[in-house]
Protein backbone atom coordinates (compact mmCIF):
# COMPACT_ATOMS: atom_id res chain seq x y z
CA MET A 1 0.00 0.23 0.26
CA PRO A 2 1.57 3.44 -1.05
CA THR A 3 1.82 5.74 1.77
CA THR A 4 3.09 9.53 1.69
CA THR A 5 4.79 10.88 5.28
CA SER A 6 1.80 12.61 6.51
CA GLY A 7 0.31 9.26 7.28
CA TYR A 8 -2.25 8.39 4.21
CA THR A 9 -3.08 5.19 2.70
CA GLU A 10 -4.12 4.33 -0.56
CA MET A 11 -6.87 1.07 -0.30
CA SER A 12 -5.05 -1.84 -0.86
CA THR A 13 -6.74 -4.54 -3.11
CA GLY A 14 -6.31 -7.67 -0.75
CA MET A 15 -9.06 -9.72 0.58
CA ARG A 16 -9.35 -10.01 4.47
CA SER A 17 -9.54 -13.22 6.10
CA GLY A 18 -11.00 -14.14 9.65
CA PRO A 19 -14.62 -13.44 11.04
CA PRO A 20 -17.12 -10.90 9.07
CA LEU A 21 -16.52 -7.48 9.87
CA THR A 22 -19.35 -5.65 12.09
CA ILE A 23 -20.82 -2.49 10.37
CA LEU A 24 -22.84 0.20 11.88
CA ILE A 25 -24.37 2.44 9.02
CA ALA A 26 -25.08 6.11 10.16
CA ASP A 27 -26.70 8.57 7.21
CA ASP A 28 -29.31 10.86 7.21
CA HIS A 29 -30.47 9.14 3.67
CA SER A 30 -32.19 5.71 3.56
CA VAL A 31 -31.54 4.82 0.24
CA VAL A 32 -27.55 5.24 0.98
CA ARG A 33 -28.18 3.21 4.25
CA GLU A 34 -29.84 0.52 1.89
CA GLY A 35 -27.34 0.47 -0.43
CA LEU A 36 -24.50 0.24 1.81
CA ALA A 37 -26.10 -2.33 3.63
CA ALA A 38 -26.60 -4.30 0.28
CA MET A 39 -23.23 -3.63 -0.34
CA VAL A 40 -21.00 -4.74 2.53
CA THR A 41 -23.51 -7.59 3.10
CA ARG A 42 -22.83 -8.83 -0.20
CA SER A 43 -19.00 -8.75 0.57
CA GLY A 44 -19.19 -10.98 3.97
CA MET A 45 -19.65 -8.32 6.32
CA ARG A 46 -22.55 -8.10 8.59
CA VAL A 47 -24.42 -4.93 9.33
CA VAL A 48 -25.24 -4.43 13.03
CA GLY A 49 -26.74 -1.11 12.94
CA ASN A 50 -28.30 1.48 10.93
CA VAL A 51 -29.20 4.91 12.19
CA GLU A 52 -30.25 8.36 10.80
CA THR A 53 -28.67 11.09 13.14
CA TRP A 54 -24.86 11.23 14.61
CA THR A 55 -26.49 11.47 18.25
CA ALA A 56 -28.34 8.00 17.37
CA CYS A 57 -24.56 6.45 15.97
CA VAL A 58 -22.99 7.52 19.06
CA ASP A 59 -25.70 5.69 21.32
CA ALA A 60 -25.45 2.53 18.63
CA PHE A 61 -21.95 2.06 18.82
CA LYS A 62 -22.61 1.84 22.69
CA ASP A 63 -24.99 -0.83 22.21
CA VAL A 64 -23.20 -3.10 19.19
CA HIS A 65 -19.57 -2.37 19.99
CA PRO A 66 -19.10 -2.80 15.99
CA ASP A 67 -15.39 -3.28 14.44
CA VAL A 68 -16.31 -0.36 11.97
CA VAL A 69 -18.49 2.82 11.67
CA LEU A 70 -18.98 4.47 8.34
CA LEU A 71 -20.34 7.89 9.03
CA ASP A 72 -21.73 10.32 7.05
CA VAL A 73 -20.42 13.88 7.18
CA ASN A 74 -23.40 15.61 6.77
CA MET A 75 -26.10 14.57 8.82
CA PRO A 76 -28.65 16.14 11.81
CA PRO A 77 -28.52 17.30 14.39
CA ALA A 78 -27.41 20.57 12.85
CA ASN A 79 -25.66 18.61 9.45
CA ASP A 80 -22.57 17.96 11.70
CA GLY A 81 -21.51 14.22 11.80
CA LEU A 82 -18.15 14.80 12.26
CA ALA A 83 -19.43 15.72 15.89
CA ALA A 84 -19.90 11.73 16.81
CA LEU A 85 -16.12 11.22 16.17
CA PRO A 86 -14.61 12.62 19.33
CA LEU A 87 -17.31 10.81 21.54
CA ILE A 88 -16.84 7.23 19.67
CA LEU A 89 -13.41 7.45 20.40
CA GLU A 90 -13.82 8.62 24.07
CA LEU A 91 -16.02 5.74 24.17
CA ASP A 92 -13.16 3.49 22.61
CA LYS A 93 -9.88 4.97 21.75
CA ASN A 94 -9.28 2.59 19.21
CA ALA A 95 -12.43 2.44 17.38
CA CYS A 96 -12.53 2.27 13.37
CA VAL A 97 -14.61 5.54 11.84
CA VAL A 98 -14.94 5.49 8.32
CA VAL A 99 -16.50 8.60 7.22
CA LEU A 100 -18.57 9.03 4.07
CA SER A 101 -18.92 12.02 1.74
CA ALA A 102 -20.62 12.99 -1.60
CA SER A 103 -17.33 15.14 -2.06
CA ALA A 104 -13.77 14.88 -1.39
CA ASP A 105 -13.45 18.41 -0.19
CA PRO A 106 -9.97 18.02 1.17
CA ALA A 107 -10.50 20.53 4.09
CA VAL A 108 -13.05 18.09 5.12
CA VAL A 109 -10.93 15.08 4.67
CA GLN A 110 -8.40 16.65 6.73
CA GLN A 111 -10.72 17.37 9.48
CA SER A 112 -12.02 13.89 9.56
CA ILE A 113 -8.73 12.49 10.11
CA ASP A 114 -7.90 15.39 12.47
CA LEU A 115 -10.54 14.10 14.49
CA GLY A 116 -9.35 10.67 14.17
CA ALA A 117 -11.37 8.93 11.22
CA ARG A 118 -9.06 6.13 9.88
CA GLY A 119 -10.58 6.34 6.55
CA PHE A 120 -12.29 8.28 3.82
CA ILE A 121 -14.74 7.30 1.57
CA ALA A 122 -16.01 9.80 -1.26
CA LYS A 123 -19.67 7.97 -2.27
CA LEU A 124 -18.95 7.74 -6.07
CA ALA A 125 -16.52 5.46 -5.19
CA SER A 126 -16.83 2.32 -6.49
CA PRO A 127 -18.63 -0.37 -4.73
CA ALA A 128 -15.07 -2.44 -4.88
CA GLU A 129 -13.30 0.61 -3.85
CA ILE A 130 -15.65 1.06 -0.63
CA GLU A 131 -15.17 -2.67 0.52
CA SER A 132 -11.48 -2.00 0.42
CA VAL A 133 -11.38 1.00 2.44
CA ILE A 134 -13.50 -0.43 5.06
CA ALA A 135 -11.44 -3.93 5.24
CA ASP A 136 -7.96 -1.42 5.19
CA ALA A 137 -9.27 0.86 7.55
CA TYR A 138 -10.10 -1.96 10.33
CA VAL A 139 -6.22 -2.60 10.56
CA THR A 140 -4.78 0.43 9.49
CA GLU A 141 -2.77 1.58 12.68
CA THR A 142 -3.83 4.83 14.75
CA GLY A 143 -2.87 7.43 12.95
CA SER A 144 -3.05 6.96 9.68
CA ALA A 145 -5.74 7.05 7.04
CA VAL A 146 -6.75 4.91 4.19
CA PHE A 147 -8.74 6.56 1.06
CA ASP A 148 -10.93 5.79 -2.11
CA ARG A 149 -8.61 6.53 -5.12
CA ARG A 150 -10.07 9.59 -5.92
CA THR A 151 -10.13 10.86 -2.57
CA ALA A 152 -6.13 9.56 -2.44
CA THR A 153 -5.47 11.47 -5.39
CA ILE A 154 -6.56 14.92 -4.41
CA MET A 155 -5.03 14.61 -1.10
CA TYR A 156 -1.76 13.43 -2.38
CA SER A 157 -2.34 16.69 -4.51
CA GLN A 158 -2.72 19.30 -2.02
CA GLN A 159 0.24 17.49 0.07
CA ARG A 160 2.87 18.26 -3.23
CA ASN A 161 1.40 21.58 -3.58
CA LYS A 162 2.00 22.20 0.52
CA ASN A 163 5.21 21.18 0.14
CA ALA A 164 5.91 23.46 -2.61
CA ALA A 165 4.68 26.48 -0.76
CA GLN A 166 6.55 25.75 1.70
CA GLU A 167 9.45 25.46 -0.30
CA SER A 168 8.63 28.83 -1.93
CA ARG A 169 9.03 30.68 1.38
CA ALA A 170 12.48 29.92 1.28
CA LEU A 171 12.99 31.91 -1.79
CA THR A 172 15.09 34.80 -1.63
CA ASP A 173 14.38 38.28 -2.75
CA ASN A 174 16.73 37.81 -5.51
CA GLU A 175 15.26 34.41 -6.58
CA LEU A 176 11.75 35.93 -6.64
CA GLU A 177 13.30 38.76 -8.92
CA LEU A 178 14.55 35.90 -11.17
CA LEU A 179 11.52 34.10 -11.36
CA GLN A 180 9.77 37.31 -12.32
CA ILE A 181 12.25 38.16 -15.03
CA LEU A 182 11.79 34.15 -16.45
CA ARG A 183 7.65 35.18 -16.24
CA ASN A 184 8.27 37.99 -18.22
CA GLY A 185 9.73 35.95 -21.15
CA SER A 186 13.70 37.11 -20.79
CA SER A 187 15.99 34.73 -22.44
CA VAL A 188 19.28 33.45 -20.44
CA VAL A 189 21.30 36.50 -22.31
CA GLU A 190 18.69 39.02 -21.49
CA LEU A 191 18.14 37.90 -17.78
CA SER A 192 22.53 38.07 -17.56
CA LYS A 193 22.64 41.50 -19.15
CA ILE A 194 19.53 42.46 -16.64
CA ARG A 195 21.25 41.38 -13.76
CA ASN A 196 24.78 42.06 -15.10
CA ILE A 197 26.12 38.78 -14.37
CA SER A 198 27.78 36.05 -17.22
CA ARG A 199 25.87 33.96 -19.05
CA SER A 200 27.46 31.23 -16.90
CA SER A 201 26.28 32.87 -13.49
CA ALA A 202 22.94 33.12 -14.85
CA ASN A 203 22.83 29.20 -15.51
CA ARG A 204 23.74 28.74 -12.52
CA SER A 205 21.37 31.07 -10.54
CA LEU A 206 18.83 29.02 -12.76
CA THR A 207 19.79 25.67 -12.09
CA ALA A 208 20.10 26.51 -8.13
CA LEU A 209 16.59 28.30 -8.51
CA TYR A 210 14.85 24.79 -10.23
CA LYS A 211 16.57 22.66 -7.57
CA LYS A 212 13.95 24.92 -4.99
CA LEU A 213 11.27 25.01 -6.70
CA GLY A 214 11.18 21.02 -7.60
CA VAL A 215 11.13 21.55 -11.64
CA ALA A 216 13.71 20.95 -14.37
CA THR A 217 12.74 23.51 -16.82
CA ARG A 218 11.94 27.00 -17.21
CA ASN A 219 8.17 26.84 -18.07
CA GLU A 220 7.95 24.58 -15.53
CA ALA A 221 9.16 26.94 -12.99
CA VAL A 222 6.95 29.75 -14.81
CA VAL A 223 4.07 27.39 -13.90
CA ARG A 224 4.84 26.67 -10.52
CA ALA A 225 5.26 30.10 -9.78
CA ASP A 226 2.22 31.11 -11.60
CA ARG A 227 0.27 28.33 -9.17
CA LEU A 228 1.93 29.35 -5.90
CA GLY A 229 1.29 33.28 -6.82
CA LEU A 230 5.00 34.21 -6.65
CA VAL A 231 4.69 36.60 -9.88
CA ARG A 232 2.80 38.80 -11.89
CA ALA A 233 1.54 38.25 -14.94
CA THR A 234 3.13 40.51 -18.01
CA GLY A 235 1.65 43.80 -17.89
CA GLU A 236 0.37 44.10 -14.64
């Protein structure tokens, strides 16, 4: 299973052996609950609870103590399903909660993980993905999280952008000026004249800049700088 340095884990494709997992489903839409129940039952898991509010989810957890809780993000009361997470973990610090959402909003995903969820599933994920995330989350260590492929892709991309942004803050004023010169379309020869340096010095400066930005070419540097808001468009 590929894992990022932040502990994010993409689902595996392996099958779990042993007793069937017991599942508590919490979602305010009956169609979703019924669909999830049918799906996990077909996969050999056993549904031990089916509730439509997060408060009922906490109460049901006390009664049935499932292996995995499937918790919808947006559900009553107050459209705040994540409010159940700390309460469930207070009852059992090793509880396995997998959060469900109609979208893979990075902020919501991160909030879920920060609150202690061991998995996150976008509802557009395939049945096979949902089953795999549930099974993998159950055996994932506390502090890590399992995602469906779409959510994993979004979170990996956000982490890369975050790393790039952190690196960009280490750029010197001279390097930011150099980026702006590149953004304005100047060649290496023009750059050397503007900076009053030799062409070899200009090339060395560019190489060091590319390394800091994690890119290999001038065009990649300009694209990265635009994305991070480090330069102004020509004419501004």
